[in-house]
Amino acid sequence: MLAKWCRALLGLCGVLAIASLLPNLGAQDKPQAEAAQGAAAPSDAASSDAKARIKSLRELGKSGSEAIPKITPYLSDPEVEVRLEAVKAIVNIGTQESLDPLITATRDIDPEIQIRAIDGLVNFYVPGYVKTGLTASLRRAGSSIKAKFTDSNNLVIDPYFEVRPEVIAALGRVVSGGSSLDARANAARSLGILRGQAAVGDLEQALRSKDSQLIYESLVALEKIRDESAGPSVAFLLHDLNEKVQLAAIEATGLLMNRAATNDLRDVLDRSKNMKVKRAALTALAQMPDPSLHGLYTTYLDHKDEGLREAAAEGLGRLKNPDDLPVLERAFSNEDKTEPRLSAAFALVDLGKRGMADFDSLRYLVNNLNSTAYRGVARAYLMELARDPEVRQALYPALTAPGATKDEKTGLAEVLAAGGGQDSIAPLEALSRDPDAEVAEAGLRALKNLHARVP
């Protein structure tokens, strides 16, 4: 009985002891709670301040170039959302004063900011680019950035444009060490658009990446820049397992005239079962004609695949062997597919057929400048042929012929800008005074590009 009473007494004492401690516990918890609330308050304030800065930036972005000095400091803001809004505002203003701040923004650690800054730099030289570049596909989910590259990659500025060296250097830095693979690939694409020759080394280094999109964009950029010294750096990609990369590497090898890769290209042509790859390989070999390849071109001239026939005719034309004239004339007359027939026409002109009568090969090339589907092919052939002064002399009357169409005149203006010489200045000056405003503009643009190429 006594033991039971003692246990009850001890229990009561324990309850009283715990009760006596509760006020102290509450006193200790209260300051901690207040401290927690105090810690949260600055965060809320910072969030509120960031929103205020973003709102201010949006207003400044409507003010024009005079607001850029006020916007630029926000590129160093600790909040990524604020820096992002600053870049958007600067891109939207888009004047020459935007270039230096955008160059600064390419060093940001946030991928979206880098991508928007890159597209903004291109947009200055190609107005409207931000609506079609990588920026247009950007989607942000938290800290994750998603973007989709467009398949179209043929944009390049006219040769007469002078891009600031600092812009090219900034893009080169991003290609080498951007904050994301998308940013690096976007910078590579931009270097191609801006003909960034000074960054060829950065593009060559990017070819060693393990990312297919970055490699592909770098290859296409090298094609556009056309610095033949980069040719050897592409050769190791000729057997790449990614078809898109392999095709771009093969094309680049031909355009950059890397004759040292001839045996590799022949190996690709012989071994590949992929018809796209075989066409690309033979086309690249046709870009670098060699008498030792004559038999190869002749063999494929009658192939069932039209792409291989097209490439074979190109190769024979560039060899300029008069003995091939009969077989090329037969190919031109009998071919029922447009692209290989254009190729045969190109070959015949290359071998000296300079007539402009209705059924002549040179006339056929000029006629196809009127075709939406094939004008690009015809124009490329004519650009190469126009390097020959005799071909140019045959083309000049077509600029002023009574039946000359707008597409023929504007197409020939581009041809002479890329392949013409000093003798092309007077015909283009006359074209720049054409009654048709679009033709006159094409003539003036061609003159600028010709002067940039031919001092």
Protein backbone atom coordinates (compact mmCIF):
# COMPACT_ATOMS: atom_id res chain seq x y z
CA MET A 1 0.00 0.00 0.00
CA LEU A 2 2.78 2.36 0.91
CA ALA A 3 4.65 1.50 -2.30
CA LYS A 4 1.56 2.27 -4.36
CA TRP A 5 1.10 5.64 -2.59
CA CYS A 6 4.76 6.56 -3.20
CA ARG A 7 4.48 5.76 -6.93
CA ALA A 8 1.39 8.00 -7.18
CA LEU A 9 3.19 10.80 -5.37
CA LEU A 10 6.18 10.52 -7.69
CA GLY A 11 3.87 10.65 -10.72
CA LEU A 12 2.18 13.78 -9.43
CA CYS A 13 5.55 15.42 -8.82
CA GLY A 14 6.57 14.60 -12.40
CA VAL A 15 3.45 16.20 -13.80
CA LEU A 16 4.00 19.30 -11.67
CA ALA A 17 7.63 19.49 -12.78
CA ILE A 18 6.71 19.29 -16.47
CA ALA A 19 4.00 21.88 -15.97
CA SER A 20 6.48 24.23 -14.36
CA LEU A 21 8.73 23.94 -17.42
CA LEU A 22 6.06 24.78 -20.00
CA PRO A 23 6.22 28.60 -19.59
CA ASN A 24 9.99 28.49 -20.11
CA LEU A 25 9.58 26.33 -23.21
CA GLY A 26 7.05 28.77 -24.58
CA ALA A 27 9.38 31.63 -23.80
CA GLN A 28 12.16 29.91 -25.72
CA ASP A 29 9.94 29.05 -28.71
CA LYS A 30 8.58 32.59 -29.05
CA PRO A 31 11.91 34.25 -29.90
CA GLN A 32 12.66 31.38 -32.33
CA ALA A 33 9.34 31.87 -34.07
CA GLU A 34 9.93 35.60 -34.17
CA ALA A 35 13.39 34.97 -35.55
CA ALA A 36 11.96 32.69 -38.25
CA GLN A 37 9.46 35.36 -39.21
CA GLY A 38 12.26 37.90 -39.27
CA ALA A 39 14.29 35.69 -41.62
CA ALA A 40 11.35 35.33 -44.00
CA ALA A 41 10.65 39.03 -44.15
CA PRO A 42 13.78 40.06 -46.09
CA SER A 43 13.08 37.30 -48.66
CA ASP A 44 9.59 38.61 -49.24
CA ALA A 45 10.95 42.11 -49.52
CA ALA A 46 13.58 40.99 -52.01
CA SER A 47 10.90 39.29 -54.09
CA SER A 48 8.81 42.42 -54.00
CA ASP A 49 11.82 44.55 -54.97
CA ALA A 50 12.63 42.23 -57.90
CA LYS A 51 9.10 42.61 -59.21
CA ALA A 52 9.42 46.37 -58.91
CA ARG A 53 12.72 46.34 -60.84
CA ILE A 54 11.20 44.17 -63.56
CA LYS A 55 8.27 46.57 -63.87
CA SER A 56 10.69 49.47 -64.10
CA LEU A 57 12.70 47.69 -66.81
CA ARG A 58 9.60 47.09 -68.89
CA GLU A 59 8.87 50.79 -68.81
CA LEU A 60 12.46 51.69 -69.67
CA GLY A 61 12.34 49.29 -72.60
CA LYS A 62 9.72 51.51 -74.21
CA SER A 63 11.92 54.58 -74.06
CA GLY A 64 14.39 53.85 -76.87
CA SER A 65 18.18 53.87 -76.97
CA GLU A 66 18.50 56.73 -74.45
CA ALA A 67 17.32 54.28 -71.78
CA ILE A 68 20.13 51.78 -72.35
CA PRO A 69 22.55 53.39 -69.83
CA LYS A 70 19.82 53.02 -67.21
CA ILE A 71 19.07 49.41 -68.16
CA THR A 72 22.66 48.17 -68.39
CA PRO A 73 23.35 48.08 -64.62
CA TYR A 74 20.53 45.57 -64.21
CA LEU A 75 22.63 43.04 -66.17
CA SER A 76 24.52 42.55 -62.87
CA ASP A 77 21.41 42.12 -60.75
CA PRO A 78 21.52 39.12 -58.34
CA GLU A 79 18.06 37.99 -59.50
CA VAL A 80 18.08 36.06 -62.79
CA GLU A 81 14.55 37.25 -63.62
CA VAL A 82 15.72 40.86 -63.44
CA ARG A 83 18.77 40.23 -65.64
CA LEU A 84 16.54 38.39 -68.09
CA GLU A 85 14.15 41.32 -68.31
CA ALA A 86 17.08 43.67 -68.85
CA VAL A 87 18.30 41.61 -71.81
CA LYS A 88 14.80 41.50 -73.29
CA ALA A 89 14.55 45.29 -73.03
CA ILE A 90 17.94 45.84 -74.67
CA VAL A 91 17.15 43.40 -77.50
CA ASN A 92 13.82 45.11 -78.03
CA ILE A 93 15.51 48.50 -78.39
CA GLY A 94 17.90 46.95 -80.91
CA THR A 95 20.08 49.94 -81.85
CA GLN A 96 23.85 50.12 -82.14
CA GLU A 97 23.97 51.15 -78.49
CA SER A 98 22.58 47.70 -77.65
CA LEU A 99 25.68 45.84 -78.84
CA ASP A 100 28.02 46.44 -75.89
CA PRO A 101 25.43 45.50 -73.21
CA LEU A 102 24.49 42.38 -75.18
CA ILE A 103 28.14 41.40 -75.45
CA THR A 104 28.28 41.71 -71.67
CA ALA A 105 25.15 39.56 -71.35
CA THR A 106 26.76 36.73 -73.35
CA ARG A 107 28.97 36.15 -70.27
CA ASP A 108 25.96 35.51 -68.01
CA ILE A 109 25.78 32.09 -66.34
CA ASP A 110 22.11 31.66 -67.22
CA PRO A 111 21.55 29.82 -70.54
CA GLU A 112 18.41 31.73 -71.50
CA ILE A 113 20.12 35.06 -70.99
CA GLN A 114 23.04 33.93 -73.15
CA ILE A 115 20.72 32.69 -75.90
CA ARG A 116 18.67 35.90 -75.91
CA ALA A 117 21.83 38.02 -75.96
CA ILE A 118 23.22 36.02 -78.90
CA ASP A 119 20.02 36.35 -80.91
CA GLY A 120 19.93 40.05 -80.05
CA LEU A 121 23.40 40.53 -81.52
CA VAL A 122 22.36 38.78 -84.73
CA ASN A 123 19.12 40.75 -84.79
CA PHE A 124 21.06 44.01 -85.10
CA TYR A 125 22.55 42.81 -88.40
CA VAL A 126 19.49 40.79 -89.49
CA PRO A 127 16.41 42.73 -88.31
CA GLY A 128 13.61 40.40 -87.22
CA TYR A 129 15.92 37.49 -86.45
CA VAL A 130 14.73 37.18 -82.83
CA LYS A 131 11.30 36.17 -84.16
CA THR A 132 12.77 33.18 -85.99
CA GLY A 133 15.96 32.34 -84.07
CA LEU A 134 16.32 30.08 -81.04
CA THR A 135 14.74 32.77 -78.84
CA ALA A 136 11.41 32.17 -80.56
CA SER A 137 11.27 28.58 -79.28
CA LEU A 138 12.51 29.16 -75.73
CA ARG A 139 10.45 27.68 -72.93
CA ARG A 140 11.40 28.01 -69.26
CA ALA A 141 10.27 25.59 -66.57
CA GLY A 142 11.85 26.60 -63.28
CA SER A 143 15.59 26.51 -63.81
CA SER A 144 15.25 24.29 -66.91
CA ILE A 145 15.43 25.79 -70.40
CA LYS A 146 13.97 24.08 -73.46
CA ALA A 147 14.59 25.23 -77.03
CA LYS A 148 14.20 23.77 -80.50
CA PHE A 149 16.52 24.53 -83.40
CA THR A 150 14.80 25.10 -86.72
CA ASP A 151 15.80 22.90 -89.65
CA SER A 152 16.34 25.94 -91.87
CA ASN A 153 19.95 27.05 -91.61
CA ASN A 154 20.75 28.89 -94.83
CA LEU A 155 20.71 32.47 -93.57
CA VAL A 156 23.92 34.49 -94.03
CA ILE A 157 24.50 38.25 -94.20
CA ASP A 158 25.70 39.98 -97.35
CA PRO A 159 29.48 40.29 -97.70
CA TYR A 160 29.39 44.10 -97.55
CA PHE A 161 28.20 44.06 -93.93
CA GLU A 162 30.97 44.79 -91.42
CA VAL A 163 30.40 43.03 -88.12
CA ARG A 164 32.18 44.43 -85.09
CA PRO A 165 35.12 42.22 -84.07
CA GLU A 166 33.95 42.31 -80.44
CA VAL A 167 30.68 40.65 -81.49
CA ILE A 168 32.47 37.79 -83.23
CA ALA A 169 34.85 37.38 -80.28
CA ALA A 170 31.91 37.21 -77.84
CA LEU A 171 30.17 34.55 -79.91
CA GLY A 172 33.39 32.59 -80.18
CA ARG A 173 33.72 32.57 -76.39
CA VAL A 174 30.22 31.15 -76.04
CA VAL A 175 30.93 28.44 -78.63
CA SER A 176 33.97 27.38 -76.61
CA GLY A 177 32.50 27.63 -73.12
CA GLY A 178 28.85 28.65 -73.04
CA SER A 179 26.65 27.89 -70.05
CA SER A 180 24.72 25.19 -71.94
CA LEU A 181 25.08 23.11 -75.08
CA ASP A 182 22.10 24.92 -76.62
CA ALA A 183 23.78 28.27 -76.02
CA ARG A 184 27.01 27.00 -77.58
CA ALA A 185 25.20 25.60 -80.63
CA ASN A 186 23.24 28.84 -80.99
CA ALA A 187 26.46 30.83 -80.94
CA ALA A 188 27.92 28.56 -83.62
CA ARG A 189 24.87 29.10 -85.82
CA SER A 190 25.18 32.85 -85.28
CA LEU A 191 28.84 32.85 -86.34
CA GLY A 192 27.81 31.27 -89.63
CA ILE A 193 25.11 33.88 -90.20
CA LEU A 194 27.57 36.72 -89.46
CA ARG A 195 30.46 35.15 -91.44
CA GLY A 196 32.60 35.15 -88.28
CA GLN A 197 35.95 34.16 -89.74
CA ALA A 198 37.87 35.32 -86.68
CA ALA A 199 36.16 32.59 -84.65
CA VAL A 200 37.01 29.70 -86.98
CA GLY A 201 39.32 28.27 -84.28
CA ASP A 202 36.44 28.15 -81.80
CA LEU A 203 34.27 26.35 -84.34
CA GLU A 204 37.00 23.83 -85.08
CA GLN A 205 37.34 23.15 -81.35
CA ALA A 206 33.56 22.64 -81.09
CA LEU A 207 33.77 19.86 -83.69
CA ARG A 208 35.42 17.77 -80.97
CA SER A 209 32.33 18.03 -78.79
CA LYS A 210 30.19 14.98 -78.12
CA ASP A 211 27.00 16.93 -78.80
CA SER A 212 25.62 16.36 -82.31
CA GLN A 213 23.72 19.66 -82.52
CA LEU A 214 26.80 21.69 -81.61
CA ILE A 215 28.91 19.75 -84.11
CA TYR A 216 26.32 20.19 -86.85
CA GLU A 217 25.91 23.93 -86.28
CA SER A 218 29.69 24.37 -86.28
CA LEU A 219 30.02 22.48 -89.57
CA VAL A 220 27.37 24.60 -91.26
CA ALA A 221 29.00 27.76 -89.93
CA LEU A 222 32.33 26.70 -91.41
CA GLU A 223 30.60 26.09 -94.75
CA LYS A 224 29.21 29.63 -94.72
CA ILE A 225 32.48 31.24 -93.69
CA ARG A 226 34.38 29.28 -96.39
CA ASP A 227 37.81 29.46 -94.77
CA GLU A 228 39.53 26.59 -96.58
CA SER A 229 42.14 26.28 -93.83
CA ALA A 230 39.43 24.63 -91.71
CA GLY A 231 38.98 21.76 -94.17
CA PRO A 232 41.35 19.28 -92.48
CA SER A 233 39.61 19.71 -89.11
CA VAL A 234 36.43 18.23 -90.57
CA ALA A 235 37.85 15.02 -92.03
CA PHE A 236 37.46 12.84 -88.92
CA LEU A 237 33.67 13.34 -89.07
CA LEU A 238 33.27 11.85 -92.55
CA HIS A 239 32.36 8.48 -91.00
CA ASP A 240 30.29 9.88 -88.10
CA LEU A 241 27.44 7.61 -86.98
CA ASN A 242 24.98 10.52 -86.87
CA GLU A 243 23.65 10.88 -90.42
CA LYS A 244 22.98 14.61 -90.09
CA VAL A 245 26.53 15.26 -88.89
CA GLN A 246 28.06 12.97 -91.50
CA LEU A 247 26.20 14.67 -94.36
CA ALA A 248 27.23 18.11 -93.12
CA ALA A 249 30.86 16.98 -92.78
CA ILE A 250 30.88 15.58 -96.31
CA GLU A 251 29.38 18.77 -97.72
CA ALA A 252 31.81 20.94 -95.78
CA THR A 253 34.75 18.88 -97.03
CA GLY A 254 33.77 19.59 -100.63
CA LEU A 255 33.02 23.27 -100.11
CA LEU A 256 36.28 23.80 -98.19
CA MET A 257 38.17 22.02 -100.98
CA ASN A 258 40.01 19.57 -98.75
CA ARG A 259 41.59 17.46 -101.49
CA ALA A 260 43.50 15.47 -98.89
CA ALA A 261 40.19 13.81 -98.00
CA THR A 262 39.56 12.49 -101.53
CA ASN A 263 40.32 8.87 -100.62
CA ASP A 264 38.10 9.08 -97.54
CA LEU A 265 35.24 10.42 -99.67
CA ARG A 266 35.69 7.62 -102.19
CA ASP A 267 35.60 5.12 -99.34
CA VAL A 268 32.35 6.64 -98.09
CA LEU A 269 30.90 6.54 -101.60
CA ASP A 270 31.86 2.90 -102.13
CA ARG A 271 30.88 1.53 -98.72
CA SER A 272 27.77 3.44 -97.72
CA LYS A 273 24.35 1.96 -98.43
CA ASN A 274 22.66 5.26 -97.58
CA MET A 275 21.76 7.00 -100.84
CA LYS A 276 21.85 10.46 -99.23
CA VAL A 277 25.40 9.81 -98.06
CA LYS A 278 26.46 8.48 -101.47
CA ARG A 279 25.06 11.56 -103.23
CA ALA A 280 26.81 13.88 -100.80
CA ALA A 281 30.13 12.05 -101.21
CA LEU A 282 30.03 12.18 -105.03
CA THR A 283 28.97 15.84 -104.93
CA ALA A 284 31.93 16.65 -102.67
CA LEU A 285 34.25 14.81 -105.06
CA ALA A 286 32.76 16.80 -107.93
CA GLN A 287 33.63 20.01 -106.07
CA MET A 288 37.30 18.99 -106.19
CA PRO A 289 37.73 17.69 -109.75
CA ASP A 290 40.74 15.50 -110.46
CA PRO A 291 41.56 13.76 -113.75
CA SER A 292 41.95 10.52 -111.78
CA LEU A 293 38.23 10.74 -110.96
CA HIS A 294 37.13 10.97 -114.60
CA GLY A 295 36.14 7.31 -114.77
CA LEU A 296 34.15 7.65 -111.56
CA TYR A 297 32.15 10.59 -112.92
CA THR A 298 31.50 8.79 -116.20
CA THR A 299 30.29 5.66 -114.42
CA TYR A 300 27.69 7.56 -112.40
CA LEU A 301 26.49 9.77 -115.28
CA ASP A 302 24.00 7.06 -116.30
CA HIS A 303 23.09 5.91 -112.79
CA LYS A 304 19.42 5.34 -111.99
CA ASP A 305 19.62 7.80 -109.08
CA GLU A 306 19.14 11.38 -110.26
CA GLY A 307 21.24 12.84 -107.45
CA LEU A 308 24.23 10.76 -108.49
CA ARG A 309 23.73 11.72 -112.15
CA GLU A 310 23.65 15.36 -111.10
CA ALA A 311 26.92 15.12 -109.17
CA ALA A 312 28.62 13.17 -111.97
CA ALA A 313 27.80 15.85 -114.55
CA GLU A 314 29.15 18.55 -112.24
CA GLY A 315 32.44 16.68 -111.92
CA LEU A 316 32.80 16.22 -115.67
CA GLY A 317 32.03 19.88 -116.27
CA ARG A 318 34.68 21.06 -113.84
CA LEU A 319 37.29 18.81 -115.46
CA LYS A 320 36.75 20.84 -118.66
CA ASN A 321 37.77 17.94 -120.91
CA PRO A 322 36.52 18.67 -124.48
CA ASP A 323 36.22 14.94 -125.13
CA ASP A 324 33.30 14.83 -122.69
CA LEU A 325 31.23 17.27 -124.73
CA PRO A 326 29.24 14.65 -126.72
CA VAL A 327 28.26 12.61 -123.65
CA LEU A 328 27.20 15.74 -121.76
CA GLU A 329 25.17 17.02 -124.70
CA ARG A 330 23.40 13.68 -124.81
CA ALA A 331 22.76 13.85 -121.06
CA PHE A 332 21.33 17.38 -121.38
CA SER A 333 19.04 16.41 -124.25
CA ASN A 334 17.79 13.13 -122.79
CA GLU A 335 17.48 14.03 -119.08
CA ASP A 336 13.87 14.32 -117.87
CA LYS A 337 14.65 15.41 -114.29
CA THR A 338 15.27 19.10 -113.70
CA GLU A 339 18.20 19.07 -111.28
CA PRO A 340 20.43 16.65 -113.23
CA ARG A 341 19.52 18.54 -116.43
CA LEU A 342 20.60 21.80 -114.77
CA SER A 343 23.84 20.07 -113.82
CA ALA A 344 24.39 18.93 -117.41
CA ALA A 345 23.68 22.48 -118.60
CA PHE A 346 26.25 23.80 -116.12
CA ALA A 347 28.81 21.28 -117.44
CA LEU A 348 28.20 22.27 -121.06
CA VAL A 349 28.70 25.97 -120.28
CA ASP A 350 31.85 25.08 -118.36
CA LEU A 351 33.09 23.32 -121.48
CA GLY A 352 32.56 26.43 -123.61
CA LYS A 353 28.90 26.40 -124.71
CA ARG A 354 28.08 30.10 -124.21
CA GLY A 355 25.10 30.56 -126.55
CA MET A 356 21.90 32.23 -125.32
CA ALA A 357 19.45 30.97 -127.93
CA ASP A 358 16.17 29.48 -126.74
CA PHE A 359 17.40 25.88 -126.40
CA ASP A 360 20.98 26.56 -125.33
CA SER A 361 22.28 25.33 -121.98
CA LEU A 362 23.16 28.80 -120.65
CA ARG A 363 19.70 30.05 -121.56
CA TYR A 364 18.22 27.06 -119.73
CA LEU A 365 20.05 28.05 -116.55
CA VAL A 366 18.83 31.65 -116.83
CA ASN A 367 15.26 30.50 -117.50
CA ASN A 368 15.27 28.52 -114.26
CA LEU A 369 15.82 31.71 -112.28
CA ASN A 370 12.05 32.06 -112.79
CA SER A 371 11.39 28.77 -111.00
CA THR A 372 10.60 28.92 -107.31
CA ALA A 373 11.70 25.32 -106.90
CA TYR A 374 14.97 25.43 -108.85
CA ARG A 375 16.16 29.06 -108.92
CA GLY A 376 18.55 28.38 -106.03
CA VAL A 377 20.25 25.56 -107.95
CA ALA A 378 20.43 27.59 -111.18
CA ARG A 379 21.76 30.64 -109.34
CA ALA A 380 24.52 28.63 -107.65
CA TYR A 381 25.67 27.21 -111.00
CA LEU A 382 25.59 30.64 -112.64
CA MET A 383 27.59 32.18 -109.78
CA GLU A 384 30.38 29.70 -110.39
CA LEU A 385 30.22 30.08 -114.17
CA ALA A 386 30.23 33.89 -113.95
CA ARG A 387 33.82 33.79 -112.71
CA ASP A 388 34.68 33.33 -116.39
CA PRO A 389 34.70 36.73 -118.19
CA GLU A 390 33.34 35.12 -121.37
CA VAL A 391 30.31 33.79 -119.52
CA ARG A 392 29.70 37.22 -117.99
CA GLN A 393 29.77 38.84 -121.42
CA ALA A 394 27.15 36.34 -122.57
CA LEU A 395 24.96 37.14 -119.55
CA TYR A 396 25.04 40.95 -119.66
CA PRO A 397 22.53 41.28 -122.54
CA ALA A 398 20.04 39.23 -120.50
CA LEU A 399 19.84 42.10 -117.99
CA THR A 400 18.36 44.47 -120.56
CA ALA A 401 16.68 42.06 -123.00
CA PRO A 402 13.07 43.12 -123.84
CA GLY A 403 11.66 39.88 -122.45
CA ALA A 404 13.79 39.74 -119.29
CA THR A 405 11.69 39.04 -116.21
CA LYS A 406 12.06 40.53 -112.75
CA ASP A 407 13.26 37.17 -111.39
CA GLU A 408 15.90 36.91 -114.11
CA LYS A 409 17.19 40.42 -113.46
CA THR A 410 17.31 40.08 -109.68
CA GLY A 411 18.78 36.58 -109.94
CA LEU A 412 21.52 37.73 -112.34
CA ALA A 413 22.27 40.65 -110.02
CA GLU A 414 23.06 38.12 -107.24
CA VAL A 415 25.07 36.04 -109.71
CA LEU A 416 27.25 38.99 -110.73
CA ALA A 417 27.68 40.12 -107.13
CA ALA A 418 29.16 36.73 -106.24
CA GLY A 419 30.96 35.86 -109.49
CA GLY A 420 31.46 39.11 -111.35
CA GLY A 421 34.51 41.29 -111.84
CA GLN A 422 35.34 44.91 -112.56
CA ASP A 423 33.53 44.60 -115.89
CA SER A 424 30.30 43.89 -113.98
CA ILE A 425 30.15 47.33 -112.36
CA ALA A 426 28.66 49.20 -115.34
CA PRO A 427 25.89 46.62 -116.03
CA LEU A 428 24.95 46.59 -112.34
CA GLU A 429 24.92 50.38 -112.15
CA ALA A 430 22.52 50.38 -115.09
CA LEU A 431 20.39 47.78 -113.31
CA SER A 432 20.30 49.93 -110.17
CA ARG A 433 18.42 52.52 -112.25
CA ASP A 434 15.80 50.05 -113.50
CA PRO A 435 12.22 51.41 -113.46
CA ASP A 436 11.17 48.49 -111.28
CA ALA A 437 12.03 49.46 -107.69
CA GLU A 438 12.68 45.85 -106.64
CA VAL A 439 15.08 45.29 -109.53
CA ALA A 440 16.83 48.60 -108.87
CA GLU A 441 17.28 47.67 -105.21
CA ALA A 442 18.74 44.29 -106.22
CA GLY A 443 21.17 46.05 -108.56
CA LEU A 444 22.33 48.44 -105.82
CA ARG A 445 22.74 45.62 -103.31
CA ALA A 446 24.74 43.63 -105.85
CA LEU A 447 27.04 46.60 -106.41
CA LYS A 448 27.75 46.85 -102.68
CA ASN A 449 28.56 43.14 -102.48
CA LEU A 450 30.70 43.27 -105.61
CA HIS A 451 32.73 46.21 -104.25
CA ALA A 452 33.21 44.31 -100.96
CA ARG A 453 34.63 41.35 -102.90
CA VAL A 454 36.45 43.15 -105.74
CA PRO A 455 38.26 46.30 -104.50
